[in-house]
Amino acid sequence: TWTYCRQAVDEFRAARAITDPMIEVDRRCFYWQRSR
């Protein structure tokens, strides 16, 4: 489900200290772009 997918992404980002904002493409699609 989307809940578990979101949880997996949140855990991945937290484990790698990724703090760049999530950018919404549409209701079901997000991405982030690493800053330098």
C-alpha atoms as a PDB file:
ATOM      1  CA  THR A   1       0.000   0.000   0.000  1.00  0.00           C
ATOM      2  CA  TRP A   2       0.995   3.632  -0.305  1.00  0.00           C
ATOM      3  CA  THR A   3       1.357   3.854   3.471  1.00  0.00           C
ATOM      4  CA  TYR A   4       4.167   1.289   3.491  1.00  0.00           C
ATOM      5  CA  CYS A   5       5.786   2.818   0.431  1.00  0.00           C
ATOM      6  CA  ARG A   6       5.846   6.230   2.110  1.00  0.00           C
ATOM      7  CA  GLN A   7       7.226   4.680   5.287  1.00  0.00           C
ATOM      8  CA  ALA A   8      10.014   2.980   3.316  1.00  0.00           C
ATOM      9  CA  VAL A   9      10.956   6.246   1.612  1.00  0.00           C
ATOM     10  CA  ASP A  10      10.911   8.116   4.930  1.00  0.00           C
ATOM     11  CA  GLU A  11      13.148   5.464   6.525  1.00  0.00           C
ATOM     12  CA  PHE A  12      15.541   5.521   3.551  1.00  0.00           C
ATOM     13  CA  ARG A  13      15.842   9.308   3.703  1.00  0.00           C
ATOM     14  CA  ALA A  14      16.282   9.319   7.493  1.00  0.00           C
ATOM     15  CA  ALA A  15      18.979   6.619   7.407  1.00  0.00           C
ATOM     16  CA  ARG A  16      20.955   8.685   4.911  1.00  0.00           C
ATOM     17  CA  ALA A  17      20.229  12.081   6.513  1.00  0.00           C
ATOM     18  CA  ILE A  18      18.510  13.328   3.354  1.00  0.00           C
ATOM     19  CA  THR A  19      16.718  16.557   4.225  1.00  0.00           C
ATOM     20  CA  ASP A  20      16.056  17.913   0.742  1.00  0.00           C
ATOM     21  CA  PRO A  21      12.350  18.601   0.256  1.00  0.00           C
ATOM     22  CA  MET A  22      10.059  16.173  -1.506  1.00  0.00           C
ATOM     23  CA  ILE A  23       8.697  17.685  -4.729  1.00  0.00           C
ATOM     24  CA  GLU A  24       5.175  16.689  -5.714  1.00  0.00           C
ATOM     25  CA  VAL A  25       4.591  15.804  -9.367  1.00  0.00           C
ATOM     26  CA  ASP A  26       0.990  14.731  -8.847  1.00  0.00           C
ATOM     27  CA  ARG A  27      -1.052  13.129  -6.066  1.00  0.00           C
ATOM     28  CA  ARG A  28       0.846   9.843  -6.277  1.00  0.00           C
ATOM     29  CA  CYS A  29       4.289  10.860  -7.483  1.00  0.00           C
ATOM     30  CA  PHE A  30       7.029  12.637  -5.543  1.00  0.00           C
ATOM     31  CA  TYR A  31      10.765  13.016  -5.925  1.00  0.00           C
ATOM     32  CA  TRP A  32      13.649  14.846  -4.322  1.00  0.00           C
ATOM     33  CA  GLN A  33      16.744  16.364  -5.811  1.00  0.00           C
ATOM     34  CA  ARG A  34      19.929  16.253  -3.781  1.00  0.00           C
ATOM     35  CA  SER A  35      21.452  19.646  -3.109  1.00  0.00           C
ATOM     36  CA  ARG A  36      25.198  20.059  -3.374  1.00  0.00           C
END
